[in-house]
Protein backbone atom coordinates (compact mmCIF):
# COMPACT_ATOMS: atom_id res chain seq x y z
CA UNK A 1 68.49 -76.12 15.61
CA UNK A 2 70.61 -77.03 18.80
CA UNK A 3 69.23 -76.78 22.23
CA UNK A 4 71.23 -74.46 24.82
CA UNK A 5 72.53 -76.48 28.19
CA UNK A 6 70.19 -76.61 30.72
CA UNK A 7 67.90 -74.04 29.33
CA UNK A 8 64.70 -76.05 28.36
CA UNK A 9 62.92 -73.65 25.85
CA UNK A 10 66.35 -72.18 24.17
CA UNK A 11 66.73 -72.94 20.75
CA UNK A 12 69.81 -71.99 18.17
CA UNK A 13 67.92 -71.34 14.81
CA UNK A 14 69.94 -72.07 11.89
CA UNK A 15 70.41 -68.39 11.22
CA UNK A 16 72.58 -68.65 13.98
CA UNK A 17 70.35 -66.43 16.38
CA UNK A 18 68.84 -67.74 19.72
CA UNK A 19 64.96 -68.17 20.48
CA UNK A 20 62.64 -68.72 23.54
CA UNK A 21 59.64 -69.83 23.45
CA UNK A 22 57.48 -69.16 26.65
CA UNK A 23 53.71 -69.96 27.71
CA UNK A 24 51.67 -66.77 28.05
CA UNK A 25 48.33 -68.37 28.20
CA UNK A 26 45.63 -70.37 26.74
CA UNK A 27 43.76 -69.22 22.79
CA UNK A 28 40.06 -69.06 22.96
CA UNK A 29 39.95 -72.94 21.93
CA UNK A 30 41.65 -73.91 24.31
CA UNK A 31 45.07 -74.47 22.68
CA UNK A 32 48.25 -73.09 23.99
CA UNK A 33 49.39 -69.43 23.46
CA UNK A 34 53.32 -68.52 23.60
CA UNK A 35 55.45 -65.69 23.28
CA UNK A 36 58.56 -66.14 20.86
CA UNK A 37 61.56 -63.78 21.73
CA UNK A 38 64.91 -63.73 19.75
CA UNK A 39 68.61 -62.41 20.16
CA UNK A 40 71.79 -63.24 19.01
CA UNK A 41 73.05 -64.70 22.33
CA UNK A 42 71.77 -67.14 24.63
CA UNK A 43 72.08 -64.59 27.97
CA UNK A 44 69.86 -61.75 25.92
CA UNK A 45 67.52 -64.33 25.39
CA UNK A 46 67.03 -65.67 28.93
CA UNK A 47 67.01 -62.48 30.13
CA UNK A 48 63.52 -61.26 28.15
CA UNK A 49 62.55 -64.49 29.01
CA UNK A 50 62.84 -63.60 33.08
CA UNK A 51 61.32 -60.79 32.87
CA UNK A 52 57.93 -61.80 31.13
CA UNK A 53 58.07 -64.48 33.61
CA UNK A 54 58.23 -62.31 36.26
CA UNK A 55 55.42 -60.09 34.47
CA UNK A 56 53.40 -62.62 34.39
CA UNK A 57 53.45 -63.61 38.01
CA UNK A 58 52.90 -59.76 38.75
CA UNK A 59 50.15 -59.61 36.53
CA UNK A 60 51.96 -56.76 34.81
CA UNK A 61 52.55 -58.26 31.67
CA UNK A 62 51.08 -56.38 28.04
CA UNK A 63 51.36 -58.18 25.08
CA UNK A 64 52.48 -56.53 22.39
CA UNK A 65 49.76 -55.14 20.18
CA UNK A 66 49.44 -55.18 16.25
CA UNK A 67 47.19 -52.33 15.65
CA UNK A 68 48.42 -49.78 13.81
CA UNK A 69 48.84 -46.62 15.54
CA UNK A 70 46.34 -44.83 13.16
CA UNK A 71 43.77 -47.44 14.41
CA UNK A 72 44.24 -47.00 17.72
CA UNK A 73 43.68 -42.93 17.58
CA UNK A 74 40.42 -43.02 15.52
CA UNK A 75 39.27 -45.74 18.09
CA UNK A 76 40.52 -43.09 21.27
CA UNK A 77 38.96 -40.41 19.54
CA UNK A 78 35.68 -41.68 18.59
CA UNK A 79 35.52 -42.90 22.57
CA UNK A 80 36.26 -39.67 23.86
CA UNK A 81 33.32 -37.57 21.39
CA UNK A 82 30.89 -37.55 24.17
CA UNK A 83 33.30 -36.24 27.30
CA UNK A 84 34.77 -33.67 25.06
CA UNK A 85 33.62 -29.89 23.72
CA UNK A 86 32.65 -30.40 19.71
CA UNK A 87 36.36 -27.72 19.05
CA UNK A 88 38.20 -29.90 21.15
CA UNK A 89 36.80 -33.11 19.76
CA UNK A 90 37.30 -31.49 15.68
CA UNK A 91 40.91 -29.98 16.69
CA UNK A 92 42.01 -33.38 18.07
CA UNK A 93 40.87 -35.25 15.21
CA UNK A 94 42.78 -32.48 12.82
CA UNK A 95 45.73 -32.61 14.43
CA UNK A 96 45.13 -36.65 13.78
CA UNK A 97 44.08 -35.95 10.34
CA UNK A 98 46.52 -33.75 9.32
CA UNK A 99 49.68 -34.93 10.62
CA UNK A 100 49.86 -37.50 12.96
CA UNK A 101 47.96 -40.69 10.24
CA UNK A 102 50.26 -39.58 7.13
CA UNK A 103 53.28 -39.30 8.99
CA UNK A 104 53.80 -42.39 11.78
CA UNK A 105 49.79 -43.80 11.24
CA UNK A 106 51.11 -46.85 9.65
CA UNK A 107 53.32 -47.53 12.70
CA UNK A 108 52.18 -49.90 14.80
CA UNK A 109 51.53 -49.10 18.67
CA UNK A 110 54.22 -51.53 19.62
CA UNK A 111 56.95 -50.09 17.56
CA UNK A 112 56.29 -46.57 17.95
CA UNK A 113 59.51 -45.31 19.84
CA UNK A 114 60.40 -41.69 21.27
CA UNK A 115 62.83 -40.84 18.66
CA UNK A 116 60.35 -41.32 15.90
CA UNK A 117 58.17 -38.73 17.90
CA UNK A 118 60.76 -36.48 18.61
CA UNK A 119 61.73 -36.74 14.72
CA UNK A 120 57.88 -36.31 13.58
CA UNK A 121 57.69 -33.19 15.76
CA UNK A 122 61.13 -31.90 15.03
CA UNK A 123 60.21 -32.13 11.03
CA UNK A 124 57.10 -30.40 11.84
CA UNK A 125 58.78 -27.15 13.03
CA UNK A 126 60.72 -27.09 9.78
CA UNK A 127 58.36 -28.61 7.12
CA UNK A 128 55.05 -29.00 8.93
CA UNK A 129 52.98 -26.82 6.77
CA UNK A 130 50.18 -28.13 4.78
CA UNK A 131 50.78 -26.31 2.03
CA UNK A 132 54.80 -26.63 1.83
CA UNK A 133 55.62 -23.23 2.89
CA UNK A 134 57.77 -23.83 6.04
CA UNK A 135 57.15 -24.85 9.68
CA UNK A 136 53.97 -25.19 12.09
CA UNK A 137 54.04 -22.81 15.42
CA UNK A 138 55.16 -24.17 18.13
CA UNK A 139 51.50 -23.79 19.64
CA UNK A 140 50.20 -26.45 16.90
CA UNK A 141 53.07 -28.75 17.35
CA UNK A 142 52.17 -28.57 21.28
CA UNK A 143 48.88 -29.99 20.64
CA UNK A 144 50.06 -32.34 18.00
CA UNK A 145 51.98 -33.99 20.88
CA UNK A 146 49.71 -33.57 23.26
CA UNK A 147 47.09 -35.17 21.17
CA UNK A 148 49.42 -38.04 20.33
CA UNK A 149 50.29 -38.24 24.18
CA UNK A 150 46.69 -38.31 25.24
CA UNK A 151 45.62 -40.95 23.41
CA UNK A 152 48.65 -43.29 24.55
CA UNK A 153 48.28 -42.64 27.69
CA UNK A 154 44.67 -44.72 27.18
CA UNK A 155 46.67 -47.09 25.12
CA UNK A 156 48.81 -47.98 28.57
CA UNK A 157 45.68 -48.20 30.55
CA UNK A 158 44.35 -50.60 28.42
CA UNK A 159 47.30 -52.72 28.16
CA UNK A 160 47.71 -52.53 24.50
CA UNK A 161 51.37 -50.83 25.13
CA UNK A 162 53.74 -50.84 28.90
CA UNK A 163 54.70 -47.66 28.33
CA UNK A 164 54.06 -44.55 27.04
CA UNK A 165 56.78 -43.50 24.78
CA UNK A 166 55.91 -39.74 24.08
CA UNK A 167 56.89 -39.08 27.63
CA UNK A 168 60.49 -39.23 26.65
CA UNK A 169 60.09 -36.38 24.47
CA UNK A 170 61.75 -33.23 24.57
CA UNK A 171 58.91 -30.78 22.84
CA UNK A 172 60.58 -28.16 20.70
CA UNK A 173 61.15 -24.51 21.06
CA UNK A 174 61.96 -21.76 18.70
CA UNK A 175 63.73 -18.61 20.18
CA UNK A 176 61.07 -16.06 19.11
CA UNK A 177 57.52 -16.87 19.79
CA UNK A 178 55.00 -15.12 17.34
CA UNK A 179 54.00 -11.97 19.32
CA UNK A 180 50.68 -11.24 19.94
CA UNK A 181 48.52 -8.85 17.65
CA UNK A 182 47.09 -5.73 19.75
CA UNK A 183 45.57 -2.44 18.36
CA UNK A 184 46.66 0.56 20.34
CA UNK A 185 44.06 3.10 21.32
CA UNK A 186 43.95 4.97 18.33
CA UNK A 187 42.82 1.61 16.28
CA UNK A 188 40.65 1.26 18.96
CA UNK A 189 38.91 4.31 18.72
CA UNK A 190 38.74 4.07 14.69
CA UNK A 191 37.38 0.61 14.77
CA UNK A 192 34.28 1.45 16.92
CA UNK A 193 33.81 4.54 15.19
CA UNK A 194 33.52 2.18 12.21
CA UNK A 195 31.42 -0.61 14.23
CA UNK A 196 28.45 1.93 15.13
CA UNK A 197 27.03 1.59 11.45
CA UNK A 198 26.67 -2.38 12.22
CA UNK A 199 24.38 -4.45 14.08
CA UNK A 200 26.56 -5.61 16.14
CA UNK A 201 28.01 -2.57 17.62
CA UNK A 202 27.48 -3.47 21.53
CA UNK A 203 29.23 -6.63 21.44
CA UNK A 204 32.32 -5.43 19.35
CA UNK A 205 32.16 -2.59 22.46
CA UNK A 206 31.84 -4.96 25.31
CA UNK A 207 34.42 -7.46 23.81
CA UNK A 208 37.27 -4.10 23.69
CA UNK A 209 36.12 -2.86 27.05
CA UNK A 210 36.35 -6.22 28.58
CA UNK A 211 37.84 -8.31 26.95
CA UNK A 212 35.39 -11.41 26.90
CA UNK A 213 35.47 -14.00 24.58
CA UNK A 214 33.10 -14.95 21.47
CA UNK A 215 31.55 -17.70 22.92
CA UNK A 216 31.22 -15.20 26.51
CA UNK A 217 29.73 -12.04 24.77
CA UNK A 218 27.11 -14.27 22.95
CA UNK A 219 26.21 -16.63 26.04
CA UNK A 220 25.62 -13.05 27.91
CA UNK A 221 21.88 -12.38 28.81
CA UNK A 222 20.60 -9.29 30.12
CA UNK A 223 20.14 -10.58 33.86
CA UNK A 224 23.79 -11.28 33.78
CA UNK A 225 24.18 -7.48 34.03
CA UNK A 226 23.97 -4.63 36.92
CA UNK A 227 23.76 -1.17 35.65
CA UNK A 228 23.16 -0.29 39.82
CA UNK A 229 26.50 -1.75 40.71
CA UNK A 230 28.47 -1.64 37.28
CA UNK A 231 28.94 -5.28 36.77
CA UNK A 232 28.93 -8.14 34.38
CA UNK A 233 28.56 -11.94 36.03
CA UNK A 234 29.99 -14.26 33.25
CA UNK A 235 27.87 -17.76 33.23
CA UNK A 236 27.50 -19.36 30.13
CA UNK A 237 28.71 -19.45 27.28
CA UNK A 238 27.71 -20.01 23.10
CA UNK A 239 29.36 -22.84 21.44
CA UNK A 240 28.91 -24.86 18.29
CA UNK A 241 28.62 -28.70 18.35
CA UNK A 242 27.65 -31.31 15.75
CA UNK A 243 23.88 -30.59 16.73
CA UNK A 244 23.96 -27.07 15.99
CA UNK A 245 24.63 -23.89 18.42
CA UNK A 246 24.36 -24.57 22.61
CA UNK A 247 24.26 -22.78 25.92
CA UNK A 248 27.03 -23.98 28.31
CA UNK A 249 28.84 -23.24 31.12
CA UNK A 250 32.17 -21.40 31.20
CA UNK A 251 34.93 -24.37 31.08
CA UNK A 252 36.62 -23.53 34.91
CA UNK A 253 35.08 -21.92 38.01
CA UNK A 254 37.81 -19.20 37.46
CA UNK A 255 35.80 -18.39 33.89
CA UNK A 256 32.65 -17.90 36.17
CA UNK A 257 33.84 -13.79 37.01
CA UNK A 258 32.28 -10.15 37.57
CA UNK A 259 33.90 -7.82 35.48
CA UNK A 260 33.20 -4.13 36.16
CA UNK A 261 31.53 -2.07 33.23
CA UNK A 262 31.72 1.49 32.62
CA UNK A 263 29.75 4.46 32.42
CA UNK A 264 30.17 4.31 28.61
CA UNK A 265 29.01 0.90 28.24
CA UNK A 266 25.65 1.32 30.52
CA UNK A 267 24.73 4.15 28.47
CA UNK A 268 25.40 1.70 25.26
CA UNK A 269 24.12 -1.31 26.62
CA UNK A 270 21.01 0.73 27.98
CA UNK A 271 20.26 2.28 24.70
CA UNK A 272 20.46 -1.51 23.07
CA UNK A 273 18.27 -2.94 25.41
CA UNK A 274 15.31 -0.49 24.58
CA UNK A 275 15.93 -0.88 20.92
CA UNK A 276 15.44 -4.33 21.77
CA UNK A 277 12.39 -4.30 23.58
CA UNK A 278 10.89 -1.75 20.40
CA UNK A 279 11.71 -5.03 18.16
CA UNK A 280 10.26 -7.30 21.12
CA UNK A 281 6.85 -5.20 20.71
CA UNK A 282 6.65 -4.97 17.19
CA UNK A 283 7.16 -9.04 16.76
CA UNK A 284 4.79 -10.31 18.99
CA UNK A 285 5.35 -14.05 19.89
CA UNK A 286 7.23 -14.11 17.08
CA UNK A 287 9.89 -13.26 18.40
CA UNK A 288 12.12 -15.59 20.72
CA UNK A 289 12.21 -13.96 24.54
CA UNK A 290 15.38 -15.75 25.47
CA UNK A 291 17.18 -12.77 27.23
CA UNK A 292 19.58 -12.17 24.85
CA UNK A 293 22.08 -9.63 25.01
CA UNK A 294 23.36 -10.56 22.08
CA UNK A 295 20.07 -11.79 19.99
CA UNK A 296 19.31 -11.64 16.11
CA UNK A 297 16.49 -9.65 14.59
CA UNK A 298 13.98 -12.33 16.11
CA UNK A 299 15.63 -13.21 19.05
CA UNK A 300 17.61 -16.11 18.14
CA UNK A 301 21.43 -16.40 19.33
CA UNK A 302 23.78 -14.45 17.10
CA UNK A 303 26.03 -17.27 14.74
CA UNK A 304 29.28 -16.75 15.76
CA UNK A 305 30.29 -16.95 12.34
CA UNK A 306 27.72 -14.19 11.61
CA UNK A 307 29.41 -12.14 14.34
CA UNK A 308 32.73 -12.52 13.19
CA UNK A 309 32.02 -12.04 9.62
CA UNK A 310 30.89 -8.73 10.68
CA UNK A 311 33.61 -8.00 12.60
CA UNK A 312 35.74 -8.68 9.38
CA UNK A 313 33.76 -6.12 7.72
CA UNK A 314 34.24 -3.41 9.85
CA UNK A 315 38.03 -4.15 10.21
CA UNK A 316 38.09 -3.89 6.18
CA UNK A 317 35.84 -0.85 6.17
CA UNK A 318 37.95 0.85 8.34
CA UNK A 319 41.40 0.35 6.67
CA UNK A 320 42.81 -1.42 9.87
CA UNK A 321 45.47 -3.96 10.15
CA UNK A 322 44.02 -7.39 9.89
CA UNK A 323 43.84 -9.33 13.61
CA UNK A 324 41.29 -12.31 14.76
CA UNK A 325 38.39 -11.23 17.03
CA UNK A 326 40.13 -13.18 20.03
CA UNK A 327 42.79 -10.51 19.74
CA UNK A 328 40.51 -7.77 21.08
CA UNK A 329 40.71 -9.68 24.05
CA UNK A 330 44.12 -9.40 23.98
CA UNK A 331 43.86 -5.66 23.09
CA UNK A 332 41.94 -5.05 26.05
CA UNK A 333 44.55 -6.67 28.11
CA UNK A 334 47.26 -4.66 26.74
CA UNK A 335 45.68 -1.74 27.14
CA UNK A 336 45.18 -2.11 30.71
CA UNK A 337 48.09 -2.84 31.70
CA UNK A 338 49.36 0.29 29.44
CA UNK A 339 47.30 2.20 32.18
CA UNK A 340 48.96 0.65 35.27
CA UNK A 341 46.25 -1.83 36.17
CA UNK A 342 47.72 -4.56 38.12
CA UNK A 343 48.45 -8.25 36.65
CA UNK A 344 46.13 -10.03 39.59
CA UNK A 345 43.19 -7.72 38.64
CA UNK A 346 43.65 -8.75 35.25
CA UNK A 347 43.34 -12.33 36.14
CA UNK A 348 39.84 -12.16 37.60
CA UNK A 349 38.90 -10.16 34.89
CA UNK A 350 39.98 -12.37 32.01
CA UNK A 351 39.19 -15.41 34.20
CA UNK A 352 42.19 -17.46 33.79
CA UNK A 353 43.17 -19.92 36.03
CA UNK A 354 46.27 -18.81 37.69
CA UNK A 355 48.17 -15.80 37.42
CA UNK A 356 50.74 -17.54 35.93
CA UNK A 357 48.85 -17.76 32.83
CA UNK A 358 48.27 -14.14 32.68
CA UNK A 359 51.67 -13.21 33.18
CA UNK A 360 53.24 -15.68 30.22
CA UNK A 361 50.58 -14.31 27.98
CA UNK A 362 50.97 -10.58 28.79
CA UNK A 363 55.05 -10.26 29.80
CA UNK A 364 55.23 -8.15 26.58
CA UNK A 365 56.40 -4.79 26.58
CA UNK A 366 54.97 -2.50 24.53
CA UNK A 367 56.96 1.45 23.94
CA UNK A 368 54.17 2.63 25.76
CA UNK A 369 54.98 0.79 29.15
CA UNK A 370 58.94 2.14 27.79
CA UNK A 371 57.50 5.46 27.90
CA UNK A 372 55.70 5.44 31.24
CA UNK A 373 59.02 3.38 32.96
CA UNK A 374 60.81 6.17 31.71
CA UNK A 375 59.08 9.15 33.05
CA UNK A 376 58.63 6.73 36.56
CA UNK A 377 62.29 6.19 36.77
CA UNK A 378 62.78 10.22 36.19
CA UNK A 379 60.41 11.19 38.99
CA UNK A 380 62.48 7.97 41.27
CA UNK A 381 65.70 10.58 40.81
CA UNK A 382 64.81 13.52 40.83
CA UNK A 383 65.88 16.02 43.48
CA UNK A 384 63.05 17.69 45.44
């Protein structure tokens, strides 16, 4: 190998490329630890070595990691297990297991590029479903990105990589997002009429009339309700974890909120509480007195899965359009806006952190809103 004039540690290899060696520290056994860089020209190698020298002087040098991406993803998520809600932790693991590990998991952290991530997201949007029947929703693709982005941010903090390649990625977009699935007034009436024959009817009624989330409904206690003021205070939620069902605070300060209730809600809840008291007297010490509104037959919390199963049974019996339990919340919001309710008030009732979230979620215009708008426009220009 020929040595470049005056360049010391830069040498030319037999294959025509140039190689540079620079000391970056010491090994555990005391030996010298070197970093080798390569290039087609001496100038290219010299520039790489100068950059490394400057980073060593500034204590900003990050030695490229040999870790495979999949190894790091699982190490990262397990390290965050104790600080995440069980559902969030589980969702991250699903994104890693189903979408990141199979496609780019065998790439090293150091070799992962923005282009690789961009192509992955584009492909997921077009053909990402596990059953090979089309692409994933924009929301799911964004969740895949968020999972990878968060893991790579931590890798930067731990000096495993110099930069986060996901920062240069543009999130894919579709022209049309999926519309919210909601019921109209007639469908709600059919649903609630059918639900009267089921155990958890008061919770179904509350969900439709307050927009409360499933976990919030199941975490509601009688002490949170003021029948005199006709108000419900949302303070906690019931959540499933790997240790079972637990009560925990709502996610944000805005989630801790006060919701107005109607006379109908007051009447239904009072009747329900009366029946609950009768059951409590009958069972005596066998009844678990947790003061829950949504309690099972012995006073314990209702498993969210059981509430969902009953919800599905009601839909089937009523022969209604299939929706999710969470869509009862969307139904409430849509009917509230159709009735002329203010978007700012809706934000507070739903517990959104900002009005932007409310506007983005419920920016759709329903047929009833268009009919009402037509009437208002006609009134505007009517000659009196």
